[in-house]
Protein backbone atom coordinates (compact mmCIF):
# COMPACT_ATOMS: atom_id res chain seq x y z
CA UNK A 1 13.98 -6.26 -13.90
CA UNK A 2 17.34 -4.63 -14.43
CA UNK A 3 18.86 -3.56 -11.11
CA UNK A 4 18.61 0.15 -10.43
CA UNK A 5 15.89 0.78 -13.00
CA UNK A 6 12.90 2.83 -11.93
CA UNK A 7 10.05 0.30 -11.54
CA UNK A 8 7.61 2.88 -12.88
CA UNK A 9 9.46 2.89 -16.20
CA UNK A 10 8.44 -0.72 -16.77
CA UNK A 11 4.76 0.22 -16.90
CA UNK A 12 3.03 1.08 -20.19
CA UNK A 13 3.29 4.83 -20.81
CA UNK A 14 -0.49 5.34 -20.89
CA UNK A 15 -0.94 3.52 -17.58
CA UNK A 16 2.04 5.36 -16.11
CA UNK A 17 0.51 8.74 -16.95
CA UNK A 18 -2.89 7.81 -15.51
CA UNK A 19 -1.25 6.68 -12.27
CA UNK A 20 0.68 9.92 -11.99
CA UNK A 21 -2.51 11.91 -12.34
CA UNK A 22 -4.28 9.75 -9.78
CA UNK A 23 -1.62 9.94 -7.08
CA UNK A 24 -0.56 13.55 -7.63
CA UNK A 25 -2.36 14.52 -4.40
CA UNK A 26 -2.01 11.24 -2.47
CA UNK A 27 0.55 11.70 0.33
CA UNK A 28 1.11 7.96 0.88
CA UNK A 29 1.69 7.01 -2.74
CA UNK A 30 3.60 10.12 -3.74
CA UNK A 31 6.45 11.39 -1.57
CA UNK A 32 6.28 14.81 -3.24
CA UNK A 33 2.67 15.20 -2.07
CA UNK A 34 3.25 14.45 1.62
CA UNK A 35 3.99 18.04 2.66
CA UNK A 36 1.21 19.63 0.56
CA UNK A 37 -1.76 17.29 0.73
CA UNK A 38 -3.38 15.34 3.52
CA UNK A 39 -5.72 12.42 4.15
CA UNK A 40 -8.44 11.51 6.59
CA UNK A 41 -8.94 7.99 7.94
CA UNK A 42 -12.49 7.09 8.94
CA UNK A 43 -12.61 4.51 11.74
CA UNK A 44 -15.82 2.70 10.76
CA UNK A 45 -14.53 -0.89 10.55
CA UNK A 46 -13.97 -2.54 13.97
CA UNK A 47 -14.32 -6.23 13.05
CA UNK A 48 -11.33 -8.22 11.77
CA UNK A 49 -11.11 -11.65 10.12
CA UNK A 50 -7.53 -12.59 11.01
CA UNK A 51 -5.32 -12.29 14.10
CA UNK A 52 -1.83 -11.00 13.49
CA UNK A 53 0.57 -11.70 16.33
CA UNK A 54 1.77 -8.08 16.37
CA UNK A 55 -1.70 -6.53 16.48
CA UNK A 56 -3.13 -4.89 19.60
CA UNK A 57 -6.18 -2.66 19.19
CA UNK A 58 -7.07 -2.39 22.89
CA UNK A 59 -5.25 0.80 23.74
CA UNK A 60 -5.59 4.43 22.72
CA UNK A 61 -2.79 6.43 24.26
CA UNK A 62 -2.27 10.16 23.80
CA UNK A 63 -0.08 10.87 20.77
CA UNK A 64 0.10 7.16 19.96
CA UNK A 65 0.56 6.71 16.21
CA UNK A 66 0.13 3.16 14.99
CA UNK A 67 -2.30 1.20 12.83
CA UNK A 68 -5.39 -0.11 14.59
CA UNK A 69 -5.66 2.70 17.13
CA UNK A 70 -8.70 4.95 17.24
CA UNK A 71 -10.38 7.06 19.91
CA UNK A 72 -13.84 5.99 18.74
CA UNK A 73 -15.61 3.91 16.11
CA UNK A 74 -17.90 5.94 13.85
CA UNK A 75 -21.13 5.05 12.12
CA UNK A 76 -21.22 5.80 8.36
CA UNK A 77 -23.34 8.90 9.00
CA UNK A 78 -20.96 10.13 11.70
CA UNK A 79 -18.06 9.50 9.29
CA UNK A 80 -19.75 11.63 6.64
CA UNK A 81 -20.35 14.44 9.12
CA UNK A 82 -16.74 14.31 10.28
CA UNK A 83 -15.52 14.37 6.68
CA UNK A 84 -17.70 17.38 5.86
CA UNK A 85 -16.30 19.29 8.81
CA UNK A 86 -12.66 18.32 8.22
CA UNK A 87 -12.67 19.03 4.48
CA UNK A 88 -14.26 22.42 5.07
CA UNK A 89 -11.65 23.39 7.64
CA UNK A 90 -8.62 21.80 5.97
CA UNK A 91 -8.91 22.05 2.16
CA UNK A 92 -5.48 20.46 1.66
CA UNK A 93 -6.99 17.06 2.55
CA UNK A 94 -7.64 15.27 -0.73
CA UNK A 95 -7.82 11.58 0.26
CA UNK A 96 -10.52 9.82 2.29
CA UNK A 97 -9.48 6.37 3.47
CA UNK A 98 -10.71 3.50 5.60
CA UNK A 99 -8.01 1.48 7.33
CA UNK A 100 -9.68 -0.09 10.34
CA UNK A 101 -9.39 -0.36 13.24
CA UNK A 102 -10.19 -3.91 12.03
CA UNK A 103 -10.26 -5.05 8.42
CA UNK A 104 -12.47 -2.83 6.24
CA UNK A 105 -13.61 -5.72 4.03
CA UNK A 106 -15.04 -7.53 7.07
CA UNK A 107 -17.36 -4.58 7.79
CA UNK A 108 -20.36 -3.57 5.68
CA UNK A 109 -20.02 -0.09 7.18
CA UNK A 110 -17.00 0.38 4.93
CA UNK A 111 -19.08 0.32 1.78
CA UNK A 112 -21.92 2.32 3.31
CA UNK A 113 -19.41 5.00 4.25
CA UNK A 114 -17.74 5.12 0.85
CA UNK A 115 -21.15 5.41 -0.82
CA UNK A 116 -21.97 8.46 1.30
CA UNK A 117 -18.57 10.06 0.75
CA UNK A 118 -18.73 9.48 -3.01
CA UNK A 119 -22.20 11.07 -3.17
CA UNK A 120 -21.18 14.20 -1.29
CA UNK A 121 -17.52 14.54 -2.35
CA UNK A 122 -17.13 13.05 -5.84
CA UNK A 123 -13.72 14.64 -6.39
CA UNK A 124 -11.83 13.14 -3.43
CA UNK A 125 -9.66 10.05 -3.81
CA UNK A 126 -11.08 7.05 -1.97
CA UNK A 127 -8.49 4.74 -0.43
CA UNK A 128 -8.84 1.34 1.26
CA UNK A 129 -6.43 -0.76 3.37
CA UNK A 130 -7.00 -4.48 3.93
CA UNK A 131 -5.29 -7.73 4.91
CA UNK A 132 -6.62 -9.15 1.65
CA UNK A 133 -8.41 -12.25 2.97
CA UNK A 134 -11.79 -11.14 1.60
CA UNK A 135 -10.41 -9.21 -1.37
CA UNK A 136 -11.22 -11.73 -4.15
CA UNK A 137 -14.81 -12.05 -2.97
CA UNK A 138 -15.28 -8.30 -2.53
CA UNK A 139 -13.23 -6.83 -5.35
CA UNK A 140 -16.35 -5.81 -7.26
CA UNK A 141 -17.71 -4.09 -4.16
CA UNK A 142 -14.41 -2.24 -3.85
CA UNK A 143 -14.60 -1.11 -7.46
CA UNK A 144 -18.26 -0.15 -7.21
CA UNK A 145 -17.53 1.96 -4.13
CA UNK A 146 -15.23 4.23 -6.13
CA UNK A 147 -11.96 3.20 -4.48
CA UNK A 148 -8.96 3.95 -6.69
CA UNK A 149 -6.00 3.30 -4.38
CA UNK A 150 -5.70 0.05 -2.46
CA UNK A 151 -3.26 -1.13 0.21
CA UNK A 152 -2.84 -4.81 1.07
CA UNK A 153 -0.75 -6.03 4.00
CA UNK A 154 1.41 -8.95 2.80
CA UNK A 155 4.06 -10.13 5.24
CA UNK A 156 5.13 -13.35 3.54
CA UNK A 157 4.59 -15.43 0.43
CA UNK A 158 5.81 -18.58 2.19
CA UNK A 159 3.09 -20.01 4.47
CA UNK A 160 5.69 -21.43 6.87
CA UNK A 161 7.06 -17.93 7.45
CA UNK A 162 3.63 -16.33 7.48
CA UNK A 163 2.45 -18.73 10.19
CA UNK A 164 5.04 -17.21 12.52
CA UNK A 165 3.35 -13.82 12.09
CA UNK A 166 -0.37 -14.67 11.80
CA UNK A 167 -2.04 -16.66 14.60
CA UNK A 168 -5.31 -17.60 12.90
CA UNK A 169 -7.68 -16.84 10.05
CA UNK A 170 -11.49 -16.73 10.14
CA UNK A 171 -12.74 -17.74 6.71
CA UNK A 172 -16.22 -18.80 5.57
CA UNK A 173 -17.38 -19.39 9.12
CA UNK A 174 -14.40 -21.51 10.20
CA UNK A 175 -11.20 -20.74 12.07
CA UNK A 176 -7.91 -21.98 10.61
CA UNK A 177 -4.62 -21.87 12.45
CA UNK A 178 -0.98 -22.22 11.53
CA UNK A 179 0.17 -23.00 8.00
CA UNK A 180 -3.34 -24.05 6.91
CA UNK A 181 -4.81 -20.68 7.81
CA UNK A 182 -1.95 -18.69 6.32
CA UNK A 183 -2.13 -20.74 3.10
CA UNK A 184 -5.76 -19.68 2.69
CA UNK A 185 -4.84 -16.08 3.50
CA UNK A 186 -1.92 -16.04 1.06
CA UNK A 187 -3.91 -17.57 -1.79
CA UNK A 188 -6.61 -14.93 -1.36
CA UNK A 189 -4.12 -12.08 -0.98
CA UNK A 190 -2.33 -12.91 -4.22
CA UNK A 191 -5.55 -13.49 -6.14
CA UNK A 192 -7.03 -10.25 -4.78
CA UNK A 193 -3.91 -8.25 -5.65
CA UNK A 194 -3.93 -9.68 -9.17
CA UNK A 195 -7.59 -8.76 -9.66
CA UNK A 196 -7.04 -5.28 -8.24
CA UNK A 197 -4.12 -4.55 -10.57
CA UNK A 198 -6.03 -5.91 -13.57
CA UNK A 199 -8.98 -3.66 -12.65
CA UNK A 200 -6.72 -0.58 -12.74
CA UNK A 201 -6.43 0.11 -9.02
CA UNK A 202 -3.14 1.59 -7.84
CA UNK A 203 -1.88 -1.00 -5.37
CA UNK A 204 0.45 -0.47 -2.43
CA UNK A 205 1.74 -3.39 -0.36
CA UNK A 206 2.49 -3.00 3.35
CA UNK A 207 5.00 -5.50 4.71
CA UNK A 208 5.85 -5.57 8.41
CA UNK A 209 9.56 -6.23 8.96
CA UNK A 210 9.86 -8.75 11.79
CA UNK A 211 13.54 -9.37 12.64
CA UNK A 212 14.41 -13.04 12.90
CA UNK A 213 11.37 -14.08 10.87
CA UNK A 214 10.95 -12.39 7.49
CA UNK A 215 13.82 -9.93 6.99
CA UNK A 216 15.57 -12.21 4.46
CA UNK A 217 12.28 -13.16 2.84
CA UNK A 218 10.98 -9.69 2.02
CA UNK A 219 13.07 -9.43 -1.16
CA UNK A 220 11.18 -12.48 -2.45
CA UNK A 221 7.93 -10.62 -1.78
CA UNK A 222 9.26 -7.64 -3.75
CA UNK A 223 10.18 -9.87 -6.69
CA UNK A 224 6.67 -11.32 -6.66
CA UNK A 225 5.16 -7.84 -6.56
CA UNK A 226 7.22 -6.87 -9.57
CA UNK A 227 5.75 -9.79 -11.51
CA UNK A 228 2.25 -8.71 -10.49
CA UNK A 229 2.54 -5.05 -11.44
CA UNK A 230 2.20 -3.57 -7.94
CA UNK A 231 2.96 0.16 -7.88
CA UNK A 232 4.70 0.67 -4.52
CA UNK A 233 5.81 -1.25 -1.41
CA UNK A 234 5.98 -0.01 2.18
CA UNK A 235 8.34 -1.95 4.47
CA UNK A 236 7.10 -1.07 7.95
CA UNK A 237 9.08 -1.66 11.16
CA UNK A 238 7.56 -4.04 13.70
CA UNK A 239 5.88 -2.35 16.65
CA UNK A 240 6.68 -4.61 19.61
CA UNK A 241 3.33 -5.43 21.20
CA UNK A 242 0.90 -8.35 21.67
CA UNK A 243 2.73 -11.66 21.02
CA UNK A 244 5.81 -9.70 19.94
CA UNK A 245 5.93 -7.52 23.06
CA UNK A 246 9.34 -8.93 24.04
CA UNK A 247 10.72 -8.81 20.49
CA UNK A 248 13.36 -6.35 19.27
CA UNK A 249 12.19 -3.85 16.68
CA UNK A 250 14.31 -3.40 13.56
CA UNK A 251 16.67 -0.45 13.50
CA UNK A 252 16.27 2.24 10.87
CA UNK A 253 19.47 0.91 9.26
CA UNK A 254 18.06 -2.61 9.09
CA UNK A 255 14.84 -1.34 7.54
CA UNK A 256 16.78 0.74 5.00
CA UNK A 257 18.87 -2.27 4.02
CA UNK A 258 15.72 -4.26 3.28
CA UNK A 259 14.22 -1.35 1.33
CA UNK A 260 17.40 -0.96 -0.69
CA UNK A 261 17.40 -4.65 -1.58
CA UNK A 262 13.76 -4.41 -2.75
CA UNK A 263 14.07 -1.12 -4.65
CA UNK A 264 15.22 -2.71 -7.95
CA UNK A 265 11.98 -4.70 -8.06
CA UNK A 266 9.31 -2.35 -6.73
CA UNK A 267 9.27 1.32 -5.75
CA UNK A 268 9.73 1.81 -2.01
CA UNK A 269 7.67 4.10 0.21
CA UNK A 270 10.17 5.52 2.70
CA UNK A 271 8.07 8.27 4.34
CA UNK A 272 5.42 6.16 6.14
CA UNK A 273 4.35 7.29 9.63
CA UNK A 274 2.25 4.19 10.55
CA UNK A 275 -0.91 6.24 11.02
CA UNK A 276 -3.82 5.69 13.39
CA UNK A 277 -7.20 4.51 12.08
CA UNK A 278 -8.66 7.96 12.82
CA UNK A 279 -5.76 10.13 11.68
CA UNK A 280 -6.29 13.22 9.55
CA UNK A 281 -4.00 15.95 8.30
CA UNK A 282 -0.52 15.73 6.82
CA UNK A 283 1.64 12.64 7.34
CA UNK A 284 3.44 13.00 10.63
CA UNK A 285 1.15 15.87 11.67
CA UNK A 286 -1.97 14.11 12.91
CA UNK A 287 -4.58 16.76 13.65
CA UNK A 288 -6.65 14.26 15.63
CA UNK A 289 -3.94 14.30 18.30
CA UNK A 290 -3.37 18.06 18.38
CA UNK A 291 -4.78 20.63 20.76
CA UNK A 292 -7.52 22.94 19.50
CA UNK A 293 -5.04 25.82 19.49
CA UNK A 294 -2.59 23.96 17.26
CA UNK A 295 -5.40 22.80 14.95
CA UNK A 296 -6.57 26.40 14.58
CA UNK A 297 -3.04 27.44 13.60
CA UNK A 298 -2.93 24.71 10.97
CA UNK A 299 -6.39 25.70 9.74
CA UNK A 300 -5.43 29.37 9.30
CA UNK A 301 -2.25 28.39 7.47
CA UNK A 302 -4.15 25.96 5.22
CA UNK A 303 -6.77 28.56 4.31
CA UNK A 304 -4.03 31.08 3.46
CA UNK A 305 -2.33 28.56 1.18
CA UNK A 306 -5.61 27.62 -0.48
CA UNK A 307 -6.42 31.30 -1.12
CA UNK A 308 -2.92 31.89 -2.49
CA UNK A 309 -3.21 28.89 -4.81
CA UNK A 310 -6.64 30.06 -5.97
CA UNK A 311 -5.29 33.54 -6.71
CA UNK A 312 -2.32 32.12 -8.61
CA UNK A 313 -4.63 29.96 -10.72
CA UNK A 314 -6.79 33.00 -11.44
CA UNK A 315 -3.75 35.13 -12.40
CA UNK A 316 -2.43 32.41 -14.70
CA UNK A 317 -5.75 31.95 -16.50
CA UNK A 318 -5.80 33.88 -19.81
CA UNK A 319 -8.68 36.29 -20.31
């Protein structure tokens, strides 16, 4: 791809237009939507099939915003009830996603939940985040569930580098460690991403920037994503915990440098807030961590905006 060219311009015009319509109200895929539309994450998927060395799902601290954290794990029915309540109170929420606290594809509750949400709220956008290990085997389940936007975490395309980030992989009843395990993971990730793109899903890739391990390798990931037709890439800073507790997190300048180097190949998401598995509301304004008083203020403001938008639509409609 020519340096500096908008990656979206390389897509067929018909596909480009359909993507724009799909993500118009998705705050993670569309930076212009982040201040107007929200999402809700349903924490129904506790089991995981790999162990990343930076992952720690044991703690739930007040105001802690990071992937894998939730105050409670919901059943599919509880998730539906929560969604009903949240969407009624906060009409600006347009996306319902499942992002953990484990890997959604390792939990049947994921698909049970999406089925319920789709039945009761057919107009919301369904979103799924996964490490991709089970994606090739479950791609049809993903499609059948009504998911239209998919995020896959891909931290390396070189197994030697990936083995420094992933401790082990549980696959088909066996545990694989080191390069062997990461090779299986990588093969499935790439195959799953390819199938997802071919099926018309809008794919986002999350890549955790781990200084000293993959910072010089991430541009190779971006080049690969360009070849595969991925829509957007999110370079996320390492959160120093678990095996990386004594590591040094990348600075905002270091992260920006990596994003800038990848931008010619794949659009970069620069407004990520590394959300909890039970977050809801606008990006950076997680209602799940607000007091009831603050939530009520947001609710009143949201209802006013919804009423104003409804009135404007009515005024603009010709008689």
